[in-house]
Amino acid sequence: MSDRTSIVVAHRLTTVEKCNRIAVLEGGKIVEEGAFTDLKNKDDGYFSHLAAGMAKKEMKEEKSRMSQKAQRDSFNAQLAVINESASHMD
């Protein structure tokens, strides 16, 4: 997002990681402002609390996706064994 000003409304941390400057709004007012890393590492900061909650949610979603993929892979492997067994019965 170089050479321009953009307003980004984000629900994922990765969306704002590369922004030069972040303004955190609460109740229509700016409650914090700064760079991603500075805000994320600020002790007891508003953004750091939001970021921790968002990261936790993203990790949970990723684990769920990985679990679903593992279940699909297992099902497909079992199906392949069944198909292989059925082909030997012919």
N, C-alpha and C. Protein backbone atom coordinates (compact mmCIF):
# COMPACT_ATOMS: atom_id res chain seq x y z
N MET A 1 0.83 -1.19 0.00
CA MET A 1 0.00 0.00 0.00
C MET A 1 0.87 1.25 0.00
N SER A 2 1.86 1.27 -0.83
CA SER A 2 2.75 2.43 -0.86
C SER A 2 2.18 3.55 -1.73
N ASP A 3 2.62 4.76 -1.46
CA ASP A 3 2.24 5.94 -2.22
C ASP A 3 0.74 6.22 -2.20
N ARG A 4 0.08 5.83 -1.15
CA ARG A 4 -1.34 6.14 -1.03
C ARG A 4 -1.78 6.00 0.42
N THR A 5 -2.91 6.57 0.69
CA THR A 5 -3.52 6.44 2.01
C THR A 5 -4.73 5.54 1.86
N SER A 6 -4.81 4.53 2.71
CA SER A 6 -5.94 3.59 2.67
C SER A 6 -6.53 3.47 4.05
N ILE A 7 -7.82 3.28 4.09
CA ILE A 7 -8.49 2.97 5.35
C ILE A 7 -8.88 1.50 5.26
N VAL A 8 -8.38 0.73 6.23
CA VAL A 8 -8.59 -0.71 6.22
C VAL A 8 -9.37 -1.09 7.47
N VAL A 9 -10.46 -1.79 7.28
CA VAL A 9 -11.20 -2.36 8.40
C VAL A 9 -10.88 -3.84 8.39
N ALA A 10 -10.29 -4.33 9.47
CA ALA A 10 -9.77 -5.69 9.44
C ALA A 10 -10.27 -6.54 10.59
N HIS A 11 -10.42 -7.82 10.30
CA HIS A 11 -10.79 -8.80 11.31
C HIS A 11 -9.72 -9.86 11.45
N ARG A 12 -8.62 -9.67 10.72
CA ARG A 12 -7.48 -10.59 10.78
C ARG A 12 -6.20 -9.77 10.95
N LEU A 13 -5.31 -10.29 11.76
CA LEU A 13 -4.04 -9.59 12.00
C LEU A 13 -3.22 -9.43 10.73
N THR A 14 -3.22 -10.46 9.90
CA THR A 14 -2.40 -10.41 8.69
C THR A 14 -2.80 -9.28 7.75
N THR A 15 -4.04 -8.83 7.87
CA THR A 15 -4.51 -7.74 7.01
C THR A 15 -3.81 -6.43 7.34
N VAL A 16 -3.47 -6.20 8.59
CA VAL A 16 -2.88 -4.92 8.99
C VAL A 16 -1.39 -4.98 9.31
N GLU A 17 -0.79 -6.16 9.23
CA GLU A 17 0.63 -6.32 9.58
C GLU A 17 1.55 -5.38 8.80
N LYS A 18 1.27 -5.17 7.54
CA LYS A 18 2.17 -4.39 6.70
C LYS A 18 1.78 -2.92 6.59
N CYS A 19 0.76 -2.52 7.30
CA CYS A 19 0.37 -1.11 7.29
C CYS A 19 1.43 -0.29 8.03
N ASN A 20 1.74 0.89 7.51
CA ASN A 20 2.74 1.76 8.15
C ASN A 20 2.25 2.31 9.47
N ARG A 21 0.98 2.63 9.51
CA ARG A 21 0.41 3.27 10.70
C ARG A 21 -0.98 2.70 10.94
N ILE A 22 -1.25 2.37 12.19
CA ILE A 22 -2.54 1.80 12.56
C ILE A 22 -3.18 2.70 13.60
N ALA A 23 -4.44 3.00 13.40
CA ALA A 23 -5.22 3.74 14.40
C ALA A 23 -6.30 2.79 14.90
N VAL A 24 -6.35 2.58 16.20
CA VAL A 24 -7.33 1.70 16.81
C VAL A 24 -8.49 2.56 17.30
N LEU A 25 -9.69 2.23 16.81
CA LEU A 25 -10.88 3.01 17.16
C LEU A 25 -11.73 2.26 18.18
N GLU A 26 -12.26 3.00 19.11
CA GLU A 26 -13.20 2.45 20.08
C GLU A 26 -14.23 3.54 20.34
N GLY A 27 -15.47 3.22 20.09
CA GLY A 27 -16.53 4.20 20.30
C GLY A 27 -16.37 5.43 19.42
N GLY A 28 -15.79 5.25 18.22
CA GLY A 28 -15.62 6.36 17.29
C GLY A 28 -14.43 7.26 17.59
N LYS A 29 -13.63 6.91 18.57
CA LYS A 29 -12.45 7.71 18.93
C LYS A 29 -11.19 6.88 18.79
N ILE A 30 -10.10 7.53 18.41
CA ILE A 30 -8.81 6.84 18.33
C ILE A 30 -8.30 6.63 19.75
N VAL A 31 -8.10 5.36 20.12
CA VAL A 31 -7.61 5.04 21.46
C VAL A 31 -6.12 4.69 21.46
N GLU A 32 -5.59 4.30 20.29
CA GLU A 32 -4.16 4.01 20.14
C GLU A 32 -3.78 4.24 18.69
N GLU A 33 -2.50 4.54 18.50
CA GLU A 33 -2.01 4.79 17.15
C GLU A 33 -0.54 4.42 17.10
N GLY A 34 -0.12 3.80 15.99
CA GLY A 34 1.29 3.47 15.84
C GLY A 34 1.51 2.36 14.83
N ALA A 35 2.73 1.84 14.82
CA ALA A 35 3.09 0.74 13.93
C ALA A 35 2.60 -0.58 14.53
N PHE A 36 2.38 -1.56 13.67
CA PHE A 36 1.87 -2.86 14.09
C PHE A 36 2.68 -3.45 15.25
N THR A 37 3.99 -3.56 15.05
CA THR A 37 4.85 -4.18 16.06
C THR A 37 4.82 -3.42 17.38
N ASP A 38 4.88 -2.10 17.29
CA ASP A 38 4.84 -1.28 18.52
C ASP A 38 3.54 -1.48 19.28
N LEU A 39 2.43 -1.46 18.57
CA LEU A 39 1.14 -1.62 19.22
C LEU A 39 0.96 -3.03 19.77
N LYS A 40 1.40 -4.02 19.00
CA LYS A 40 1.25 -5.41 19.44
C LYS A 40 2.07 -5.71 20.69
N ASN A 41 3.23 -5.07 20.81
CA ASN A 41 4.12 -5.34 21.95
C ASN A 41 3.91 -4.40 23.14
N LYS A 42 2.99 -3.48 23.02
CA LYS A 42 2.72 -2.53 24.10
C LYS A 42 2.06 -3.23 25.27
N ASP A 43 2.71 -3.16 26.43
CA ASP A 43 2.15 -3.79 27.63
C ASP A 43 0.80 -3.17 27.97
N ASP A 44 -0.18 -4.03 28.17
CA ASP A 44 -1.52 -3.62 28.56
C ASP A 44 -2.18 -2.67 27.55
N GLY A 45 -1.74 -2.74 26.30
CA GLY A 45 -2.31 -1.89 25.27
C GLY A 45 -3.61 -2.45 24.73
N TYR A 46 -4.45 -1.58 24.23
CA TYR A 46 -5.73 -1.98 23.67
C TYR A 46 -5.52 -2.90 22.48
N PHE A 47 -4.65 -2.50 21.55
CA PHE A 47 -4.39 -3.30 20.36
C PHE A 47 -3.77 -4.65 20.73
N SER A 48 -2.86 -4.66 21.69
CA SER A 48 -2.20 -5.92 22.06
C SER A 48 -3.22 -6.92 22.60
N HIS A 49 -4.23 -6.45 23.32
CA HIS A 49 -5.29 -7.34 23.81
C HIS A 49 -6.13 -7.86 22.64
N LEU A 50 -6.47 -6.96 21.71
CA LEU A 50 -7.22 -7.38 20.52
C LEU A 50 -6.41 -8.39 19.71
N ALA A 51 -5.13 -8.08 19.51
CA ALA A 51 -4.26 -8.95 18.70
C ALA A 51 -4.13 -10.33 19.33
N ALA A 52 -4.01 -10.39 20.65
CA ALA A 52 -3.89 -11.68 21.33
C ALA A 52 -5.15 -12.51 21.12
N GLY A 53 -6.30 -11.88 21.23
CA GLY A 53 -7.57 -12.58 21.01
C GLY A 53 -7.73 -13.02 19.57
N MET A 54 -7.32 -12.16 18.63
CA MET A 54 -7.43 -12.50 17.21
C MET A 54 -6.48 -13.64 16.87
N ALA A 55 -5.28 -13.60 17.40
CA ALA A 55 -4.29 -14.66 17.12
C ALA A 55 -4.79 -16.00 17.65
N LYS A 56 -5.38 -15.96 18.83
CA LYS A 56 -5.91 -17.18 19.43
C LYS A 56 -7.03 -17.75 18.55
N LYS A 57 -7.91 -16.89 18.07
CA LYS A 57 -9.01 -17.33 17.21
C LYS A 57 -8.47 -17.89 15.89
N GLU A 58 -7.47 -17.21 15.30
CA GLU A 58 -6.89 -17.68 14.04
C GLU A 58 -6.22 -19.03 14.21
N MET A 59 -5.55 -19.23 15.34
CA MET A 59 -4.90 -20.52 15.60
C MET A 59 -5.95 -21.62 15.73
N LYS A 60 -7.05 -21.32 16.41
CA LYS A 60 -8.12 -22.30 16.59
C LYS A 60 -8.73 -22.66 15.23
N GLU A 61 -8.94 -21.66 14.37
CA GLU A 61 -9.48 -21.92 13.04
C GLU A 61 -8.53 -22.76 12.21
N GLU A 62 -7.23 -22.47 12.31
CA GLU A 62 -6.23 -23.24 11.56
C GLU A 62 -6.19 -24.69 12.04
N LYS A 63 -6.26 -24.90 13.35
CA LYS A 63 -6.28 -26.26 13.88
C LYS A 63 -7.50 -27.01 13.38
N SER A 64 -8.63 -26.32 13.32
CA SER A 64 -9.85 -26.94 12.83
C SER A 64 -9.70 -27.33 11.36
N ARG A 65 -9.12 -26.43 10.55
CA ARG A 65 -8.90 -26.74 9.13
C ARG A 65 -7.97 -27.93 8.97
N MET A 66 -6.91 -27.97 9.79
CA MET A 66 -5.95 -29.07 9.71
C MET A 66 -6.62 -30.39 10.11
N SER A 67 -7.46 -30.34 11.13
CA SER A 67 -8.17 -31.53 11.59
C SER A 67 -9.13 -32.03 10.51
N GLN A 68 -9.83 -31.11 9.87
CA GLN A 68 -10.74 -31.50 8.80
C GLN A 68 -9.98 -32.13 7.63
N LYS A 69 -8.82 -31.56 7.30
CA LYS A 69 -8.01 -32.12 6.22
C LYS A 69 -7.53 -33.52 6.60
N ALA A 70 -7.09 -33.69 7.85
CA ALA A 70 -6.62 -35.00 8.30
C ALA A 70 -7.76 -36.03 8.23
N GLN A 71 -8.96 -35.61 8.59
CA GLN A 71 -10.11 -36.52 8.52
C GLN A 71 -10.41 -36.90 7.07
N ARG A 72 -10.35 -35.92 6.16
CA ARG A 72 -10.58 -36.21 4.74
C ARG A 72 -9.51 -37.16 4.20
N ASP A 73 -8.25 -36.89 4.55
CA ASP A 73 -7.15 -37.74 4.10
C ASP A 73 -7.33 -39.17 4.60
N SER A 74 -7.73 -39.32 5.87
CA SER A 74 -7.94 -40.64 6.45
C SER A 74 -9.09 -41.36 5.75
N PHE A 75 -10.17 -40.63 5.51
CA PHE A 75 -11.31 -41.22 4.81
C PHE A 75 -10.91 -41.67 3.41
N ASN A 76 -10.19 -40.81 2.70
CA ASN A 76 -9.75 -41.16 1.34
C ASN A 76 -8.82 -42.37 1.34
N ALA A 77 -7.96 -42.48 2.34
CA ALA A 77 -7.06 -43.63 2.43
C ALA A 77 -7.86 -44.91 2.69
N GLN A 78 -8.86 -44.83 3.58
CA GLN A 78 -9.70 -45.99 3.86
C GLN A 78 -10.50 -46.39 2.62
N LEU A 79 -11.00 -45.39 1.90
CA LEU A 79 -11.75 -45.65 0.67
C LEU A 79 -10.87 -46.32 -0.37
N ALA A 80 -9.62 -45.89 -0.47
CA ALA A 80 -8.69 -46.50 -1.43
C ALA A 80 -8.45 -47.96 -1.08
N VAL A 81 -8.33 -48.28 0.22
CA VAL A 81 -8.12 -49.67 0.66
C VAL A 81 -9.35 -50.50 0.31
N ILE A 82 -10.53 -49.94 0.55
CA ILE A 82 -11.78 -50.67 0.23
C ILE A 82 -11.86 -50.91 -1.28
N ASN A 83 -11.56 -49.89 -2.06
CA ASN A 83 -11.60 -50.04 -3.52
C ASN A 83 -10.59 -51.08 -3.99
N GLU A 84 -9.41 -51.07 -3.41
CA GLU A 84 -8.37 -52.04 -3.76
C GLU A 84 -8.83 -53.45 -3.41
N SER A 85 -9.42 -53.61 -2.23
CA SER A 85 -9.92 -54.93 -1.82
C SER A 85 -11.03 -55.41 -2.73
N ALA A 86 -11.91 -54.50 -3.10
CA ALA A 86 -13.04 -54.87 -3.97
C ALA A 86 -12.55 -55.29 -5.35
N SER A 87 -11.48 -54.64 -5.84
CA SER A 87 -10.98 -54.99 -7.16
C SER A 87 -10.33 -56.38 -7.16
N HIS A 88 -9.83 -56.83 -6.01
CA HIS A 88 -9.24 -58.18 -5.93
C HIS A 88 -10.30 -59.26 -5.82
N MET A 89 -11.51 -58.90 -5.50
CA MET A 89 -12.60 -59.87 -5.38
C MET A 89 -13.17 -60.24 -6.73
N ASP A 90 -12.91 -59.45 -7.74
CA ASP A 90 -13.46 -59.72 -9.09
C ASP A 90 -12.82 -60.88 -9.76
